[in-house]
Protein backbone atom coordinates (compact mmCIF):
# COMPACT_ATOMS: atom_id res chain seq x y z
CA MET A 1 17.53 -18.38 -14.19
CA GLN A 2 16.94 -14.86 -12.89
CA GLN A 3 14.63 -14.66 -9.86
CA GLN A 4 11.10 -13.56 -10.73
CA TYR A 5 9.47 -10.90 -8.53
CA HIS A 6 5.90 -9.75 -7.96
CA PHE A 7 5.44 -6.04 -7.29
CA ALA A 8 2.75 -5.26 -4.70
CA VAL A 9 1.24 -1.85 -4.00
CA ASP A 10 -0.37 -1.78 -0.54
CA LEU A 11 -2.22 1.46 0.19
CA GLY A 12 -3.74 2.25 3.57
CA ALA A 13 -5.71 5.22 4.77
CA THR A 14 -2.63 6.93 6.24
CA SER A 15 0.36 5.48 4.38
CA GLY A 16 1.36 3.24 1.52
CA ARG A 17 4.24 1.10 0.40
CA THR A 18 5.56 -0.95 -2.48
CA ILE A 19 6.89 -4.44 -1.86
CA ILE A 20 8.53 -7.09 -3.99
CA GLY A 21 7.90 -10.76 -3.32
CA ALA A 22 9.22 -13.99 -4.74
CA ILE A 23 8.67 -17.69 -4.17
CA ALA A 24 11.90 -19.64 -3.85
CA ASP A 25 12.33 -23.20 -2.56
CA GLY A 26 8.68 -23.34 -1.57
CA LYS A 27 8.83 -20.23 0.60
CA LEU A 28 7.82 -16.60 0.15
CA GLN A 29 10.48 -13.93 0.31
CA GLN A 30 9.56 -10.25 0.41
CA GLU A 31 11.23 -6.87 0.67
CA GLU A 32 9.83 -3.38 1.10
CA LEU A 33 11.01 -1.06 -1.67
CA THR A 34 9.38 2.25 -0.78
CA ARG A 35 7.15 3.70 1.92
CA PHE A 36 5.24 6.98 1.75
CA ASP A 37 2.52 9.03 3.41
CA ASN A 38 -1.06 9.15 2.14
CA PRO A 39 -2.23 12.49 3.53
CA LEU A 40 -5.73 13.87 3.20
CA ILE A 41 -6.30 17.19 1.43
CA THR A 42 -8.84 19.53 3.01
CA THR A 43 -10.04 22.32 0.75
CA GLY A 44 -13.30 23.97 -0.24
CA GLY A 45 -15.18 22.35 2.61
CA HIS A 46 -14.34 18.79 1.52
CA VAL A 47 -11.68 16.16 2.22
CA TYR A 48 -9.92 14.46 -0.70
CA TRP A 49 -7.33 11.82 -1.51
CA ASP A 50 -4.52 12.78 -3.90
CA ILE A 51 -4.85 10.08 -6.55
CA PHE A 52 -2.10 11.63 -8.68
CA ALA A 53 0.37 11.58 -5.77
CA LEU A 54 -0.41 7.91 -5.16
CA TYR A 55 0.13 7.17 -8.84
CA GLN A 56 3.45 9.00 -8.73
CA GLU A 57 4.55 6.94 -5.71
CA ILE A 58 3.77 3.77 -7.64
CA ILE A 59 5.87 5.08 -10.53
CA LYS A 60 8.73 5.77 -8.08
CA GLY A 61 8.52 2.24 -6.74
CA LEU A 62 8.52 0.73 -10.23
CA THR A 63 11.46 2.96 -11.19
CA THR A 64 13.37 1.74 -8.15
CA ALA A 65 12.74 -1.86 -9.24
CA ALA A 66 13.91 -1.04 -12.76
CA LYS A 67 17.13 0.60 -11.52
CA ARG A 68 17.89 -2.51 -9.49
CA GLN A 69 17.28 -4.59 -12.61
CA LEU A 70 14.75 -6.75 -10.80
CA ASN A 71 12.84 -9.16 -12.97
CA ILE A 72 9.31 -7.93 -12.25
CA VAL A 73 6.77 -10.34 -13.75
CA SER A 74 3.54 -8.84 -12.38
CA ILE A 75 2.03 -5.89 -10.51
CA GLY A 76 -0.96 -5.78 -8.14
CA ILE A 77 -2.69 -3.05 -6.12
CA ASP A 78 -4.78 -3.23 -2.96
CA THR A 79 -6.32 -0.30 -1.05
CA TRP A 80 -9.00 0.65 1.45
CA GLY A 81 -12.62 0.30 0.34
CA VAL A 82 -15.65 2.38 -0.71
CA ASP A 83 -13.96 5.44 -2.30
CA PHE A 84 -13.88 6.05 -6.07
CA VAL A 85 -12.58 8.21 -8.91
CA LEU A 86 -14.73 10.01 -11.52
CA VAL A 87 -13.54 10.04 -15.14
CA GLY A 88 -14.96 12.34 -17.81
CA GLU A 89 -15.86 11.90 -21.48
CA ASP A 90 -12.29 12.82 -22.43
CA ASP A 91 -10.91 9.92 -20.34
CA ALA A 92 -9.37 12.30 -17.84
CA ILE A 93 -9.84 12.29 -14.07
CA MET A 94 -12.08 15.25 -13.31
CA ARG A 95 -10.95 15.90 -9.73
CA ASN A 96 -9.36 14.14 -6.81
CA PRO A 97 -11.64 11.58 -5.16
CA LEU A 98 -13.54 12.47 -2.01
CA SER A 99 -12.49 10.61 1.12
CA TYR A 100 -14.80 8.48 3.24
CA ARG A 101 -13.56 10.64 6.13
CA ASP A 102 -15.34 13.66 4.62
CA PRO A 103 -18.38 14.47 6.81
CA TYR A 104 -20.57 15.20 3.78
CA THR A 105 -22.32 11.86 4.21
CA ILE A 106 -23.44 12.52 7.79
CA GLY A 107 -27.21 12.10 7.91
CA ARG A 108 -27.41 11.13 4.22
CA MET A 109 -27.63 7.38 4.87
CA GLU A 110 -30.64 7.86 7.12
CA GLU A 111 -32.22 10.21 4.58
CA TYR A 112 -31.65 7.73 1.74
CA LEU A 113 -33.10 4.80 3.73
CA GLU A 114 -36.15 6.84 4.70
CA GLN A 115 -36.89 8.57 1.41
CA VAL A 116 -35.37 6.44 -1.37
CA CYS A 117 -34.98 2.77 -0.51
CA SER A 118 -35.72 0.89 2.71
CA ARG A 119 -33.05 -0.55 4.96
CA GLN A 120 -34.48 -4.04 4.51
CA GLN A 121 -34.50 -3.79 0.72
CA VAL A 122 -30.89 -2.55 0.58
CA TYR A 123 -29.65 -5.28 2.92
CA GLU A 124 -31.60 -8.04 1.16
CA THR A 125 -30.06 -6.92 -2.13
CA THR A 126 -26.45 -6.50 -0.99
CA GLY A 127 -25.97 -8.17 2.39
CA THR A 128 -23.68 -5.26 3.27
CA GLN A 129 -23.46 -3.71 6.71
CA PHE A 130 -24.70 -0.14 6.99
CA MET A 131 -22.04 2.55 7.29
CA ASN A 132 -22.74 6.12 6.32
CA PHE A 133 -19.62 6.36 4.14
CA ASN A 134 -20.41 3.36 1.91
CA SER A 135 -20.20 4.23 -1.78
CA LEU A 136 -23.97 4.14 -2.23
CA PHE A 137 -24.48 6.86 0.37
CA GLN A 138 -21.51 8.88 -0.89
CA LEU A 139 -23.05 8.92 -4.35
CA TYR A 140 -26.41 9.90 -2.90
CA ALA A 141 -24.79 12.73 -0.93
CA MET A 142 -22.98 13.94 -4.06
CA ARG A 143 -26.25 14.00 -6.00
CA GLN A 144 -27.94 15.98 -3.24
CA GLU A 145 -25.08 18.49 -3.29
CA GLY A 146 -25.28 18.81 -7.07
CA ASN A 147 -21.72 17.51 -7.59
CA VAL A 148 -20.79 18.62 -11.11
CA ALA A 149 -18.09 15.97 -11.59
CA LEU A 150 -20.55 13.18 -10.87
CA SER A 151 -23.13 14.63 -13.23
CA HIS A 152 -20.54 14.50 -16.05
CA ALA A 153 -18.87 11.19 -15.15
CA LYS A 154 -18.42 8.72 -17.97
CA LYS A 155 -16.69 6.17 -15.75
CA ILE A 156 -16.60 5.49 -12.02
CA LEU A 157 -13.58 3.54 -10.78
CA PHE A 158 -12.93 2.31 -7.25
CA ILE A 159 -9.49 3.36 -5.99
CA PRO A 160 -7.43 0.23 -6.87
CA ASP A 161 -9.24 -0.04 -10.20
CA ALA A 162 -8.50 3.63 -10.92
CA LEU A 163 -4.77 3.13 -10.29
CA THR A 164 -4.82 -0.01 -12.44
CA TRP A 165 -6.48 2.04 -15.20
CA MET A 166 -3.81 4.73 -14.87
CA LEU A 167 -1.12 2.09 -15.32
CA THR A 168 -2.76 0.07 -18.10
CA GLY A 169 -5.65 2.00 -19.65
CA THR A 170 -7.93 -0.95 -18.81
CA ASN A 171 -11.29 -0.25 -17.16
CA ILE A 172 -12.33 -2.97 -14.68
CA CYS A 173 -14.36 -3.40 -11.50
CA GLU A 174 -12.66 -5.95 -9.23
CA ARG A 175 -15.20 -7.90 -7.17
CA THR A 176 -13.77 -7.61 -3.64
CA ILE A 177 -13.46 -3.83 -3.80
CA ALA A 178 -16.89 -3.50 -5.42
CA SER A 179 -18.38 -5.51 -2.56
CA THR A 180 -17.56 -2.70 -0.12
CA SER A 181 -19.79 -0.26 -2.03
CA GLN A 182 -23.21 -1.49 -0.85
CA MET A 183 -24.15 -1.73 -4.53
CA LEU A 184 -22.95 -5.26 -5.37
CA ASN A 185 -25.53 -8.03 -5.36
CA PRO A 186 -23.62 -11.14 -4.19
CA ARG A 187 -26.25 -13.45 -5.64
CA THR A 188 -25.80 -12.13 -9.17
CA GLY A 189 -22.14 -11.22 -8.71
CA ASP A 190 -22.73 -7.83 -10.29
CA LEU A 191 -23.61 -4.26 -9.37
CA ASP A 192 -27.35 -4.02 -8.85
CA PRO A 193 -29.04 -1.91 -11.58
CA ALA A 194 -31.98 -0.95 -9.35
CA LEU A 195 -29.71 0.45 -6.64
CA LEU A 196 -27.61 2.28 -9.22
CA GLU A 197 -30.79 3.83 -10.57
CA THR A 198 -31.61 5.27 -7.12
CA VAL A 199 -28.51 7.46 -7.45
CA ALA A 200 -29.13 8.18 -11.16
CA LEU A 201 -26.35 5.93 -12.44
CA GLN A 202 -26.21 3.22 -15.10
CA ARG A 203 -24.34 -0.07 -15.08
CA ASN A 204 -22.21 0.89 -18.10
CA GLN A 205 -20.55 3.64 -16.06
CA PHE A 206 -18.63 0.92 -14.21
CA GLY A 207 -16.19 -1.63 -15.59
CA ASP A 208 -16.89 -5.32 -15.96
CA ILE A 209 -16.63 -7.34 -12.75
CA VAL A 210 -13.39 -9.36 -12.60
CA GLU A 211 -12.30 -11.93 -10.05
CA PRO A 212 -9.14 -11.63 -7.92
CA GLY A 213 -6.20 -13.21 -9.71
CA THR A 214 -7.13 -11.96 -13.19
CA ILE A 215 -4.49 -10.44 -15.48
CA VAL A 216 -6.28 -7.32 -16.72
CA GLY A 217 -3.70 -5.49 -18.82
CA HIS A 218 -0.08 -4.45 -19.28
CA LEU A 219 1.82 -1.27 -18.51
CA THR A 220 1.17 1.41 -21.10
CA GLU A 221 4.00 2.71 -23.26
CA GLU A 222 3.84 5.92 -21.22
CA VAL A 223 4.41 4.06 -17.93
CA GLN A 224 7.13 1.92 -19.53
CA HIS A 225 8.92 5.09 -20.56
CA LEU A 226 8.54 6.68 -17.11
CA THR A 227 9.82 3.64 -15.22
CA GLY A 228 12.27 1.94 -17.54
CA LEU A 229 10.31 -1.30 -17.36
CA GLY A 230 8.80 -3.36 -20.14
CA SER A 231 5.24 -4.50 -20.89
CA ILE A 232 4.59 -6.06 -17.48
CA PRO A 233 1.17 -7.61 -16.75
CA VAL A 234 -1.00 -6.02 -14.07
CA VAL A 235 -3.11 -8.37 -11.97
CA ALA A 236 -6.42 -7.52 -10.33
CA VAL A 237 -5.54 -8.97 -6.94
CA ALA A 238 -8.03 -8.91 -4.08
CA GLY A 239 -8.27 -5.13 -4.39
CA HIS A 240 -9.79 -4.58 -0.95
CA ASP A 241 -6.97 -4.71 1.57
CA THR A 242 -8.95 -6.87 4.00
CA ALA A 243 -9.66 -9.37 1.24
CA SER A 244 -5.93 -9.56 0.52
CA ALA A 245 -5.24 -10.04 4.22
CA VAL A 246 -7.76 -12.88 4.48
CA ALA A 247 -6.21 -14.49 1.40
CA ALA A 248 -3.02 -14.71 3.46
CA VAL A 249 -4.59 -16.66 6.36
CA PRO A 250 -2.30 -19.72 6.72
CA ALA A 251 -5.16 -22.17 7.23
CA THR A 252 -4.83 -25.85 6.42
CA ASP A 253 -8.52 -26.52 5.78
CA LYS A 254 -11.90 -24.75 5.68
CA HIS A 255 -12.65 -25.19 9.41
CA PHE A 256 -11.36 -21.81 10.51
CA ALA A 257 -12.44 -18.31 11.41
CA TYR A 258 -10.24 -15.24 11.11
CA LEU A 259 -9.70 -12.08 13.07
CA SER A 260 -7.99 -9.25 11.24
CA SER A 261 -6.76 -7.31 14.25
CA GLY A 262 -5.74 -3.68 14.19
CA THR A 263 -7.45 -0.36 14.83
CA TRP A 264 -10.55 -2.27 13.80
CA SER A 265 -11.09 -5.97 14.41
CA LEU A 266 -12.81 -7.86 11.62
CA MET A 267 -13.99 -11.34 12.60
CA GLY A 268 -15.42 -13.65 9.99
CA ILE A 269 -15.49 -16.87 8.03
CA GLU A 270 -15.11 -17.83 4.37
CA THR A 271 -18.33 -19.12 2.87
CA PRO A 272 -19.21 -20.39 -0.61
CA GLU A 273 -22.24 -18.10 -0.76
CA ALA A 274 -23.48 -14.92 0.90
CA ILE A 275 -25.47 -15.24 4.13
CA ILE A 276 -28.36 -12.80 4.03
CA ASN A 277 -31.25 -13.20 6.46
CA GLU A 278 -32.99 -11.40 9.30
CA GLN A 279 -30.44 -12.59 11.84
CA SER A 280 -27.40 -11.45 9.86
CA GLN A 281 -29.06 -8.06 9.37
CA ALA A 282 -29.93 -7.80 13.07
CA TYR A 283 -26.30 -8.49 14.04
CA ASN A 284 -25.06 -6.16 11.24
CA PHE A 285 -22.86 -8.75 9.56
CA THR A 286 -21.57 -7.98 6.10
CA ASN A 287 -20.94 -10.09 3.00
CA GLU A 288 -17.84 -9.03 1.08
CA GLY A 289 -16.03 -10.63 -1.82
CA GLY A 290 -13.24 -13.11 -1.23
CA ILE A 291 -10.81 -15.03 -3.41
CA GLU A 292 -11.81 -18.01 -5.57
CA HIS A 293 -15.47 -16.89 -5.66
CA THR A 294 -15.86 -17.07 -1.86
CA THR A 295 -17.65 -14.63 0.41
CA ARG A 296 -16.09 -13.06 3.47
CA PHE A 297 -18.92 -13.12 5.98
CA LEU A 298 -17.73 -10.86 8.78
CA LYS A 299 -18.49 -8.29 11.41
CA ASN A 300 -16.59 -5.13 12.26
CA ILE A 301 -15.62 -4.80 15.91
CA CYS A 302 -14.00 -1.77 17.48
CA GLY A 303 -10.48 -3.07 18.08
CA MET A 304 -7.25 -1.49 19.27
CA TRP A 305 -8.74 1.95 18.58
CA LEU A 306 -9.71 2.06 22.26
CA TYR A 307 -6.18 1.31 23.42
CA GLU A 308 -4.52 3.60 20.87
CA ARG A 309 -6.69 6.57 21.82
CA CYS A 310 -6.05 6.06 25.53
CA ARG A 311 -2.28 5.91 25.02
CA LYS A 312 -2.40 9.31 23.32
CA GLU A 313 -4.10 10.78 26.39
CA TRP A 314 -1.78 9.36 29.02
CA GLY A 315 1.26 11.26 30.27
CA GLU A 316 4.66 11.25 28.64
CA GLU A 317 5.97 8.60 31.02
CA VAL A 318 3.27 6.14 29.95
CA ARG A 319 3.51 7.05 26.27
CA GLN A 320 7.26 6.36 26.31
CA MET A 321 6.64 2.99 27.94
CA GLY A 322 6.76 0.14 25.46
CA HIS A 323 3.59 -1.73 24.60
CA ALA A 324 4.95 -4.91 26.16
CA GLN A 325 5.72 -3.20 29.46
CA LEU A 326 2.33 -1.50 29.76
CA GLN A 327 0.47 -4.64 28.79
CA ALA A 328 2.46 -6.70 31.32
CA LEU A 329 1.40 -4.25 34.04
CA ALA A 330 -2.21 -4.57 32.90
CA MET A 331 -2.05 -8.34 33.28
CA LYS A 332 -1.24 -7.89 36.98
CA GLU A 333 -4.53 -6.07 37.55
CA THR A 334 -7.66 -7.84 38.78
CA PRO A 335 -9.32 -9.56 35.80
CA PHE A 336 -12.90 -8.73 34.82
CA ARG A 337 -13.13 -5.97 37.45
CA SER A 338 -14.65 -3.57 34.93
CA LEU A 339 -16.09 -4.41 31.52
CA ILE A 340 -17.36 -2.38 28.57
CA ASN A 341 -19.01 -3.05 25.24
CA PRO A 342 -16.24 -2.02 22.81
CA ASP A 343 -18.85 -1.30 20.13
CA ASP A 344 -20.93 1.07 22.23
CA THR A 345 -21.50 4.32 20.32
CA SER A 346 -19.89 6.31 23.15
CA PHE A 347 -16.50 4.96 22.02
CA ALA A 348 -16.86 5.91 18.34
CA ASN A 349 -14.87 9.16 18.56
CA PRO A 350 -15.10 10.69 22.06
CA THR A 351 -13.21 13.80 23.10
CA SER A 352 -11.53 11.67 25.77
CA MET A 353 -11.48 7.88 25.46
CA THR A 354 -10.37 7.37 29.07
CA THR A 355 -13.29 9.50 30.28
CA ALA A 356 -15.70 7.61 28.02
CA ILE A 357 -14.57 4.28 29.48
CA GLN A 358 -14.84 5.60 33.03
CA ASP A 359 -18.31 7.03 32.35
CA TYR A 360 -19.47 3.70 30.91
CA CYS A 361 -18.31 1.88 34.03
CA ARG A 362 -19.91 4.51 36.28
CA ASN A 363 -23.21 4.27 34.40
CA THR A 364 -23.25 0.47 34.72
CA ASN A 365 -22.43 0.53 38.45
CA GLN A 366 -18.97 -0.99 38.10
CA PRO A 367 -15.64 -0.08 39.70
CA ILE A 368 -14.16 2.82 37.75
CA PRO A 369 -10.69 2.08 36.32
CA GLN A 370 -8.24 4.86 37.17
CA THR A 371 -4.68 3.93 36.22
CA PRO A 372 -3.44 3.19 32.68
CA ALA A 373 -2.91 -0.45 33.68
CA GLU A 374 -6.48 -0.75 34.98
CA ILE A 375 -7.93 0.86 31.85
CA CYS A 376 -5.76 -1.30 29.62
CA ARG A 377 -6.93 -4.45 31.45
CA CYS A 378 -10.55 -3.33 31.09
CA ILE A 379 -10.08 -2.88 27.33
CA PHE A 380 -8.40 -6.26 26.78
CA ASP A 381 -10.86 -8.20 28.93
CA SER A 382 -13.75 -6.54 27.12
CA LEU A 383 -12.35 -7.10 23.64
CA ALA A 384 -11.79 -10.81 24.32
CA LEU A 385 -15.34 -11.18 25.62
CA ARG A 386 -16.78 -9.27 22.67
CA TYR A 387 -14.83 -11.60 20.38
CA ARG A 388 -16.49 -14.52 22.17
CA GLN A 389 -19.92 -13.01 21.57
CA VAL A 390 -19.33 -12.45 17.85
CA PHE A 391 -17.64 -15.85 17.52
CA GLY A 392 -20.74 -17.48 19.00
CA TRP A 393 -22.87 -15.83 16.32
CA LEU A 394 -20.43 -16.96 13.62
CA LYS A 395 -20.68 -20.56 14.78
CA ASP A 396 -24.46 -20.37 14.40
CA PHE A 397 -24.12 -19.07 10.83
CA ALA A 398 -21.32 -21.45 9.77
CA THR A 399 -22.29 -24.60 7.87
CA SER A 400 -19.29 -26.57 9.20
CA PRO A 401 -17.44 -26.66 12.55
CA ILE A 402 -14.82 -24.02 13.35
CA HIS A 403 -11.71 -25.60 14.85
CA VAL A 404 -9.29 -22.67 15.02
CA LEU A 405 -9.20 -18.86 14.95
CA HIS A 406 -6.44 -17.25 12.90
CA ILE A 407 -5.42 -13.76 14.03
CA ILE A 408 -3.70 -11.69 11.36
CA GLY A 409 -2.54 -8.07 11.20
CA GLY A 410 -0.69 -5.90 13.70
CA GLY A 411 -2.79 -7.17 16.60
CA SER A 412 -1.36 -10.66 16.09
CA LEU A 413 1.72 -9.44 18.01
CA ASN A 414 -0.30 -8.83 21.18
CA LYS A 415 0.45 -12.09 22.98
CA HIS A 416 -1.66 -11.24 26.04
CA LEU A 417 -4.80 -10.48 24.05
CA ASN A 418 -4.17 -13.52 21.85
CA GLN A 419 -4.16 -15.79 24.90
CA MET A 420 -7.21 -14.06 26.35
CA THR A 421 -9.03 -14.53 23.06
CA ALA A 422 -8.25 -18.27 23.06
CA ASN A 423 -9.50 -18.47 26.67
CA ALA A 424 -12.67 -16.60 25.80
CA ILE A 425 -13.71 -18.49 22.67
CA GLY A 426 -12.57 -21.91 23.85
CA ILE A 427 -10.62 -23.01 20.76
CA PRO A 428 -6.97 -22.61 19.74
CA VAL A 429 -5.76 -19.31 18.34
CA ILE A 430 -2.96 -19.10 15.77
CA ALA A 431 -1.35 -15.66 15.43
CA GLY A 432 0.35 -14.47 12.24
CA PRO A 433 1.16 -13.13 9.76
CA GLN A 434 1.46 -9.52 10.85
CA GLU A 435 1.74 -8.17 7.29
CA GLY A 436 -1.04 -10.24 5.76
CA THR A 437 -2.25 -7.71 3.19
CA ALA A 438 1.01 -7.50 1.24
CA ILE A 439 1.43 -11.28 1.41
CA GLY A 440 -2.06 -11.87 0.04
CA ASN A 441 -1.44 -9.37 -2.75
CA ILE A 442 1.81 -11.09 -3.77
CA MET A 443 0.36 -14.58 -3.61
CA MET A 444 -2.62 -13.68 -5.79
CA GLN A 445 -0.16 -12.39 -8.38
CA ALA A 446 1.74 -15.67 -8.10
CA GLN A 447 -1.46 -17.57 -8.73
CA ALA A 448 -2.34 -15.41 -11.74
CA THR A 449 1.09 -15.92 -13.30
CA GLY A 450 1.30 -19.65 -12.66
CA GLY A 451 3.55 -19.65 -9.59
CA VAL A 452 0.90 -21.42 -7.48
CA THR A 453 -2.29 -23.20 -8.45
CA THR A 454 -4.81 -23.32 -5.60
CA ILE A 455 -5.65 -21.30 -2.53
CA TRP A 456 -4.53 -24.18 -0.32
CA GLU A 457 -1.12 -24.39 -1.98
CA MET A 458 -0.86 -20.64 -1.53
CA ARG A 459 -1.71 -20.89 2.16
CA ARG A 460 0.69 -23.78 2.69
CA ILE A 461 3.54 -21.69 1.28
CA ILE A 462 2.56 -18.80 3.55
CA ALA A 463 2.48 -21.10 6.60
CA ASP A 464 5.95 -22.41 5.73
CA SER A 465 7.29 -18.87 5.27
CA ILE A 466 6.23 -17.10 8.46
CA GLU A 467 6.56 -17.51 12.19
CA MET A 468 3.27 -18.31 13.91
CA GLN A 469 2.32 -18.61 17.57
CA ARG A 470 -0.32 -21.01 18.86
CA TYR A 471 -2.40 -20.30 21.97
CA GLU A 472 -4.45 -23.01 23.68
CA PRO A 473 -7.55 -22.06 25.72
CA LYS A 474 -7.23 -22.03 29.52
CA ASP A 475 -9.31 -21.20 32.62
CA LYS A 476 -12.67 -22.16 31.12
CA ASP A 477 -14.74 -21.69 34.30
CA ALA A 478 -13.36 -18.19 34.98
CA TRP A 479 -14.03 -17.07 31.41
CA ASP A 480 -17.51 -18.58 31.37
CA ALA A 481 -18.36 -16.60 34.51
CA ALA A 482 -16.82 -13.44 33.03
CA TYR A 483 -18.88 -13.84 29.87
CA SER A 484 -22.10 -14.06 31.89
CA LYS A 485 -21.08 -10.84 33.64
CA PHE A 486 -20.25 -9.21 30.30
CA LEU A 487 -23.68 -10.04 28.88
CA LYS A 488 -25.48 -8.63 31.92
CA ILE A 489 -23.49 -5.40 31.83
CA THR A 490 -23.70 -4.78 28.10
CA LYS A 491 -27.44 -5.52 27.95
CA GLN A 492 -27.97 -2.56 30.28
CA GLN A 493 -26.86 -0.30 27.44
């Protein structure tokens, strides 16, 4: 019997790729077919994504699969959140979608919350953390600007749903991607009509909500002709890339937390229902859709952004140094000498990250890190301690004990920070997989097409297919003392 393959489209904010995956002998096999850039387009005072270029790259990937005579049995697409495509009465895309990186929303969130709907009302309705580029505030900003495309939009499709529509002609609204919009009510499981009304929209302008793992259509005759493939089913996977990544957590039971580690760190738990109360709002936790009707209750933490920005500023000699070498040097520095709050607003997008870190330490009467190794050690110590703080909040919200933290994403390769995180939070850390998003995408397709049945079977296959590293907590007394110091320093801010 010819091997069956699932075709995954994984689109990030800077690049994208197509991957094929198959389950054979109880293990997942995968191969990257194509990789491509996802550049922003700046014109007319706005910043756009090129939705047609992304569609064309998907067609290229499918054509490559057809030329290799691969037996593709399903297709699934995941992307970043919040952004959307506007479709007119003639069922044509009216213009390229605006990017969340466009500054047109600056100040609009505050204006909306002051003049249109209160912060408390929005959070109680959606349980979504407040970020100025959330879809709700983008739509408000577009209305204020008199955006002609929005005023004539028949349909509004989030990015993965738009690409699915371009491949199949089917109009859907997948739940995990919709949950990033700040318009989805997790209690009803649908977009909230009252919030839509605040931006002069109606519910029928969006597709029906579908759950991850739903077959939503088949390739159109046009796409079949372009690619050389047949009428292949397209699956609404967990369309938000973080949701796909969390689907790939190789947990053995429900007693786990996860940390999706990259430029941003997202720490959270899976819950059967949304957690929306005064405390979750005060800590700015968010409730986003997960697989099998779960909620991803999580908090965004500024992650390796700090380290990445500093590396760009350091001299050529340091930039050419491998990550492992620089991080090994950092581990030789005095621990907990200088600490920062990684989520302080001064680190959002400073002109110089090294200067911002030094200024923070100066303003809190700490030794000022000077060398790259000292700054790197400061960042890692501080991240681990911030993880401990957020993890403590998660334990208070969780309805069952948390026995292990799974670290997924590119940051799972950072063995030093992984060990420090285990030390800080006091429970074992399991690192891997690195490429969780594509794995989650593929496995949701496998579930939709009958290759696997439950989330736990899916996660068992993933665990059997990847290499994982386990880190046990150490040096409890030293990390307890460091955490007390961290709290005193960060409360000064």
